[in-house]
C-alpha atoms as a PDB file:
ATOM      1  CA  UNK A   1     -15.433  30.991 -61.409  1.00  0.00           C
ATOM      2  CA  UNK A   2     -14.368  33.236 -64.199  1.00  0.00           C
ATOM      3  CA  UNK A   3     -10.969  34.933 -63.896  1.00  0.00           C
ATOM      4  CA  UNK A   4     -12.326  38.096 -65.548  1.00  0.00           C
ATOM      5  CA  UNK A   5     -15.024  38.345 -62.885  1.00  0.00           C
ATOM      6  CA  UNK A   6     -12.502  37.987 -60.079  1.00  0.00           C
ATOM      7  CA  UNK A   7     -10.276  40.660 -61.639  1.00  0.00           C
ATOM      8  CA  UNK A   8     -13.280  42.988 -61.962  1.00  0.00           C
ATOM      9  CA  UNK A   9     -14.213  42.464 -58.302  1.00  0.00           C
ATOM     10  CA  UNK A  10     -10.610  42.991 -57.155  1.00  0.00           C
ATOM     11  CA  UNK A  11     -10.331  46.223 -59.176  1.00  0.00           C
ATOM     12  CA  UNK A  12     -13.728  47.374 -57.878  1.00  0.00           C
ATOM     13  CA  UNK A  13     -12.673  46.856 -54.255  1.00  0.00           C
ATOM     14  CA  UNK A  14      -9.226  48.371 -54.833  1.00  0.00           C
ATOM     15  CA  UNK A  15     -10.738  51.501 -56.380  1.00  0.00           C
ATOM     16  CA  UNK A  16     -12.983  52.123 -53.384  1.00  0.00           C
ATOM     17  CA  UNK A  17     -10.235  51.272 -50.884  1.00  0.00           C
ATOM     18  CA  UNK A  18      -8.060  53.909 -52.566  1.00  0.00           C
ATOM     19  CA  UNK A  19     -10.961  56.403 -52.652  1.00  0.00           C
ATOM     20  CA  UNK A  20     -12.773  56.065 -49.313  1.00  0.00           C
ATOM     21  CA  UNK A  21     -14.690  59.331 -49.710  1.00  0.00           C
ATOM     22  CA  UNK A  22     -16.232  58.055 -52.954  1.00  0.00           C
ATOM     23  CA  UNK A  23     -17.233  54.855 -51.173  1.00  0.00           C
ATOM     24  CA  UNK A  24     -18.788  56.832 -48.303  1.00  0.00           C
ATOM     25  CA  UNK A  25     -20.687  59.022 -50.785  1.00  0.00           C
ATOM     26  CA  UNK A  26     -21.998  55.928 -52.567  1.00  0.00           C
ATOM     27  CA  UNK A  27     -22.988  53.642 -49.712  1.00  0.00           C
ATOM     28  CA  UNK A  28     -23.523  56.031 -46.806  1.00  0.00           C
ATOM     29  CA  UNK A  29     -23.462  54.351 -43.411  1.00  0.00           C
ATOM     30  CA  UNK A  30     -23.588  50.781 -44.724  1.00  0.00           C
ATOM     31  CA  UNK A  31     -20.633  48.566 -43.821  1.00  0.00           C
ATOM     32  CA  UNK A  32     -18.369  48.144 -46.801  1.00  0.00           C
ATOM     33  CA  UNK A  33     -18.030  44.380 -46.266  1.00  0.00           C
ATOM     34  CA  UNK A  34     -21.781  43.938 -46.716  1.00  0.00           C
ATOM     35  CA  UNK A  35     -21.708  46.078 -49.868  1.00  0.00           C
ATOM     36  CA  UNK A  36     -18.710  44.222 -51.322  1.00  0.00           C
ATOM     37  CA  UNK A  37     -20.365  40.877 -50.563  1.00  0.00           C
ATOM     38  CA  UNK A  38     -23.546  41.872 -52.407  1.00  0.00           C
ATOM     39  CA  UNK A  39     -21.514  43.159 -55.360  1.00  0.00           C
ATOM     40  CA  UNK A  40     -19.527  39.918 -55.453  1.00  0.00           C
ATOM     41  CA  UNK A  41     -22.745  37.861 -55.386  1.00  0.00           C
ATOM     42  CA  UNK A  42     -24.299  39.889 -58.212  1.00  0.00           C
ATOM     43  CA  UNK A  43     -21.159  39.647 -60.382  1.00  0.00           C
ATOM     44  CA  UNK A  44     -20.917  35.878 -59.870  1.00  0.00           C
ATOM     45  CA  UNK A  45     -24.623  35.488 -60.644  1.00  0.00           C
ATOM     46  CA  UNK A  46     -24.234  37.433 -63.892  1.00  0.00           C
ATOM     47  CA  UNK A  47     -21.132  35.401 -64.840  1.00  0.00           C
ATOM     48  CA  UNK A  48     -22.962  32.134 -64.233  1.00  0.00           C
ATOM     49  CA  UNK A  49     -25.854  33.276 -66.425  1.00  0.00           C
ATOM     50  CA  UNK A  50     -23.435  34.232 -69.202  1.00  0.00           C
ATOM     51  CA  UNK A  51     -24.285  37.930 -69.091  1.00  0.00           C
ATOM     52  CA  UNK A  52     -21.893  40.877 -69.075  1.00  0.00           C
ATOM     53  CA  UNK A  53     -20.387  40.840 -65.579  1.00  0.00           C
ATOM     54  CA  UNK A  54     -19.701  44.584 -65.292  1.00  0.00           C
ATOM     55  CA  UNK A  55     -22.368  46.130 -63.066  1.00  0.00           C
ATOM     56  CA  UNK A  56     -24.485  48.970 -64.363  1.00  0.00           C
ATOM     57  CA  UNK A  57     -25.510  51.991 -62.356  1.00  0.00           C
ATOM     58  CA  UNK A  58     -29.029  50.582 -61.995  1.00  0.00           C
ATOM     59  CA  UNK A  59     -27.685  47.308 -60.591  1.00  0.00           C
ATOM     60  CA  UNK A  60     -25.515  49.148 -58.059  1.00  0.00           C
ATOM     61  CA  UNK A  61     -28.522  51.213 -57.000  1.00  0.00           C
ATOM     62  CA  UNK A  62     -30.595  48.043 -56.646  1.00  0.00           C
ATOM     63  CA  UNK A  63     -27.905  46.571 -54.376  1.00  0.00           C
ATOM     64  CA  UNK A  64     -27.839  49.718 -52.242  1.00  0.00           C
ATOM     65  CA  UNK A  65     -31.629  49.894 -51.943  1.00  0.00           C
ATOM     66  CA  UNK A  66     -31.764  46.219 -50.938  1.00  0.00           C
ATOM     67  CA  UNK A  67     -29.068  46.760 -48.304  1.00  0.00           C
ATOM     68  CA  UNK A  68     -30.745  49.853 -46.881  1.00  0.00           C
ATOM     69  CA  UNK A  69     -34.119  48.111 -46.755  1.00  0.00           C
ATOM     70  CA  UNK A  70     -32.621  45.056 -45.084  1.00  0.00           C
ATOM     71  CA  UNK A  71     -30.303  46.707 -42.545  1.00  0.00           C
ATOM     72  CA  UNK A  72     -31.913  50.059 -41.742  1.00  0.00           C
ATOM     73  CA  UNK A  73     -33.703  50.371 -38.456  1.00  0.00           C
ATOM     74  CA  UNK A  74     -37.349  51.398 -38.594  1.00  0.00           C
ATOM     75  CA  UNK A  75     -38.010  54.824 -37.126  1.00  0.00           C
ATOM     76  CA  UNK A  76     -40.137  55.024 -34.030  1.00  0.00           C
ATOM     77  CA  UNK A  77     -43.528  56.501 -34.772  1.00  0.00           C
ATOM     78  CA  UNK A  78     -44.249  59.875 -33.304  1.00  0.00           C
ATOM     79  CA  UNK A  79     -46.213  59.623 -30.083  1.00  0.00           C
ATOM     80  CA  UNK A  80     -49.925  60.223 -30.282  1.00  0.00           C
ATOM     81  CA  UNK A  81     -49.890  62.002 -26.940  1.00  0.00           C
ATOM     82  CA  UNK A  82     -48.620  65.546 -26.522  1.00  0.00           C
ATOM     83  CA  UNK A  83     -48.044  66.861 -23.021  1.00  0.00           C
ATOM     84  CA  UNK A  84     -49.515  70.324 -22.392  1.00  0.00           C
ATOM     85  CA  UNK A  85     -49.975  72.554 -19.336  1.00  0.00           C
ATOM     86  CA  UNK A  86     -53.465  71.145 -18.990  1.00  0.00           C
ATOM     87  CA  UNK A  87     -52.400  67.499 -19.138  1.00  0.00           C
ATOM     88  CA  UNK A  88     -51.954  65.015 -21.960  1.00  0.00           C
ATOM     89  CA  UNK A  89     -53.510  65.862 -25.302  1.00  0.00           C
ATOM     90  CA  UNK A  90     -54.302  62.835 -27.485  1.00  0.00           C
ATOM     91  CA  UNK A  91     -53.647  63.414 -31.179  1.00  0.00           C
ATOM     92  CA  UNK A  92     -55.829  61.358 -33.480  1.00  0.00           C
END
């Protein structure tokens, strides 16, 4: 592991721990441990490939989209039956 990568991750986490409203604005209702883990994985992957380890805005957005797609609960579909005074009305 690269020392520069570890310092970057530590500073990244420290910044958001000191600014919790910025973290909440960025990640929404996602648990911060999941977000930090994904960031750590991406930084280590980039270090291993020899690329610049500092994450771009696009890479952070990709992490957030992946997390939301993986951990968000699917919404229940609206019912196809509407109750009226005359009984159930089937919507199709």
